[in-house]
Amino acid sequence: MDDFATRTYGTSGGLDNRPLFGETSARDRIINLAVGGSTSLVVLVTIISSFVFPSPPPRPLNIFFAVCILLTCGSTIVLIFWYRQGDLEPKFRKLIYYMLASIVLLCLCANLYFHDVNKT
């Protein structure tokens, strides 16, 4: 926090301690919490389902599916961290939302597989 006052944020001349992308509104914070919270919940349910279903000794394919989802989440978390640090431009916010939607769809696909929905 000490180096916060020494940042210039690309301005010429004196020091400027304004955030890089301006203040975030309450609406943006609510959207971020809702999207992030729901995505986290879906990922958590998927990871638990990979170990529990169809029977307590998990299938190796289910574990592999869960690891792939966690790796995708890892890259998204890094992007979110960089965005919050101010290292990414605001246009990357749409990419982060796209990746979160992809993770939710991947979790949906995994849960359908884990619960044997396609079996007739």
Protein backbone atom coordinates (compact mmCIF):
# COMPACT_ATOMS: atom_id res chain seq x y z
CA MET A 1 0.00 0.00 0.00
CA ASP A 2 2.98 2.30 0.50
CA ASP A 3 3.82 2.35 -3.20
CA PHE A 4 0.24 3.40 -4.09
CA ALA A 5 1.09 7.09 -3.72
CA THR A 6 4.14 6.78 -5.99
CA ARG A 7 2.26 5.56 -9.05
CA THR A 8 1.87 7.99 -11.92
CA TYR A 9 -0.63 5.99 -14.02
CA GLY A 10 0.88 7.21 -17.26
CA THR A 11 0.40 10.88 -16.54
CA SER A 12 3.20 13.28 -17.23
CA GLY A 13 4.43 15.37 -14.40
CA GLY A 14 3.34 15.01 -10.80
CA LEU A 15 2.05 12.02 -8.94
CA ASP A 16 -1.52 10.93 -9.43
CA ASN A 17 -3.13 8.47 -7.03
CA ARG A 18 -6.38 7.92 -8.95
CA PRO A 19 -7.27 4.32 -9.82
CA LEU A 20 -6.31 3.31 -13.35
CA PHE A 21 -9.84 2.68 -14.63
CA GLY A 22 -11.73 5.08 -12.38
CA GLU A 23 -14.00 4.22 -9.49
CA THR A 24 -16.22 1.18 -9.86
CA SER A 25 -19.89 1.80 -9.37
CA ALA A 26 -22.07 -0.12 -6.93
CA ARG A 27 -23.86 -1.67 -9.91
CA ASP A 28 -20.58 -3.05 -11.29
CA ARG A 29 -19.63 -4.48 -7.90
CA ILE A 30 -23.01 -6.19 -7.54
CA ILE A 31 -22.73 -7.68 -11.04
CA ASN A 32 -19.19 -8.90 -10.33
CA LEU A 33 -20.25 -10.49 -7.03
CA ALA A 34 -23.31 -12.15 -8.58
CA VAL A 35 -21.44 -13.55 -11.58
CA GLY A 36 -18.40 -14.60 -9.55
CA GLY A 37 -20.46 -16.10 -6.74
CA SER A 38 -22.72 -18.13 -9.02
CA THR A 39 -19.76 -19.36 -11.05
CA SER A 40 -17.90 -20.36 -7.88
CA LEU A 41 -20.96 -22.22 -6.61
CA VAL A 42 -21.40 -24.13 -9.88
CA VAL A 43 -17.70 -25.07 -9.93
CA LEU A 44 -17.83 -26.22 -6.30
CA VAL A 45 -20.90 -28.41 -6.94
CA THR A 46 -19.20 -29.88 -10.02
CA ILE A 47 -15.98 -30.70 -8.17
CA ILE A 48 -17.91 -32.37 -5.33
CA SER A 49 -20.05 -34.28 -7.84
CA SER A 50 -16.96 -35.58 -9.60
CA PHE A 51 -15.89 -37.36 -6.42
CA VAL A 52 -19.31 -38.53 -5.19
CA PHE A 53 -21.25 -39.65 -8.29
CA PRO A 54 -22.05 -42.31 -9.51
CA SER A 55 -20.52 -44.07 -6.49
CA PRO A 56 -18.08 -42.96 -3.77
CA PRO A 57 -14.91 -44.39 -5.34
CA PRO A 58 -14.61 -41.80 -8.12
CA ARG A 59 -14.01 -42.70 -11.73
CA PRO A 60 -10.68 -41.51 -13.15
CA LEU A 61 -12.49 -39.79 -16.03
CA ASN A 62 -14.57 -37.76 -13.57
CA ILE A 63 -11.42 -36.64 -11.76
CA PHE A 64 -9.80 -35.72 -15.07
CA PHE A 65 -12.86 -33.66 -15.99
CA ALA A 66 -12.68 -31.86 -12.62
CA VAL A 67 -8.95 -31.12 -13.06
CA CYS A 68 -9.61 -29.64 -16.51
CA ILE A 69 -12.29 -27.37 -15.03
CA LEU A 70 -9.95 -26.28 -12.23
CA LEU A 71 -7.19 -25.47 -14.73
CA THR A 72 -9.59 -23.32 -16.71
CA CYS A 73 -10.65 -21.59 -13.51
CA GLY A 74 -6.99 -20.95 -12.69
CA SER A 75 -6.34 -19.03 -15.88
CA THR A 76 -9.52 -17.00 -15.35
CA ILE A 77 -8.51 -16.17 -11.78
CA VAL A 78 -5.15 -14.91 -13.04
CA LEU A 79 -6.91 -12.66 -15.57
CA ILE A 80 -9.23 -11.32 -12.86
CA PHE A 81 -6.23 -10.65 -10.60
CA TRP A 82 -4.40 -8.78 -13.36
CA TYR A 83 -7.53 -6.80 -14.20
CA ARG A 84 -7.99 -5.75 -10.57
CA GLN A 85 -4.31 -4.75 -10.36
CA GLY A 86 -4.80 -2.45 -13.35
CA ASP A 87 -2.46 -4.37 -15.66
CA LEU A 88 -5.22 -5.08 -18.22
CA GLU A 89 -7.33 -2.69 -20.23
CA PRO A 90 -11.08 -2.47 -19.56
CA LYS A 91 -11.86 -4.33 -22.80
CA PHE A 92 -10.59 -7.53 -21.14
CA ARG A 93 -13.60 -7.46 -18.83
CA LYS A 94 -15.73 -8.89 -21.63
CA LEU A 95 -13.18 -11.68 -22.11
CA ILE A 96 -13.37 -12.49 -18.40
CA TYR A 97 -17.18 -12.69 -18.58
CA TYR A 98 -16.89 -14.91 -21.67
CA MET A 99 -14.48 -17.25 -19.88
CA LEU A 100 -16.78 -17.42 -16.84
CA ALA A 101 -19.72 -18.32 -19.08
CA SER A 102 -17.58 -21.02 -20.72
CA ILE A 103 -16.70 -22.42 -17.30
CA VAL A 104 -20.38 -22.57 -16.32
CA LEU A 105 -21.23 -24.41 -19.56
CA LEU A 106 -18.33 -26.81 -19.03
CA CYS A 107 -19.58 -27.48 -15.49
CA LEU A 108 -23.09 -28.09 -16.82
CA CYS A 109 -21.72 -30.58 -19.32
CA ALA A 110 -19.67 -32.28 -16.61
CA ASN A 111 -22.65 -32.57 -14.26
CA LEU A 112 -24.79 -34.05 -17.02
CA TYR A 113 -22.06 -36.63 -17.62
CA PHE A 114 -21.54 -37.38 -13.92
CA HIS A 115 -25.25 -37.98 -13.33
CA ASP A 116 -25.68 -40.17 -16.45
CA VAL A 117 -28.45 -37.99 -17.90
CA ASN A 118 -28.08 -39.37 -21.45
CA LYS A 119 -28.72 -43.00 -20.47
CA THR A 120 -32.02 -44.37 -21.70
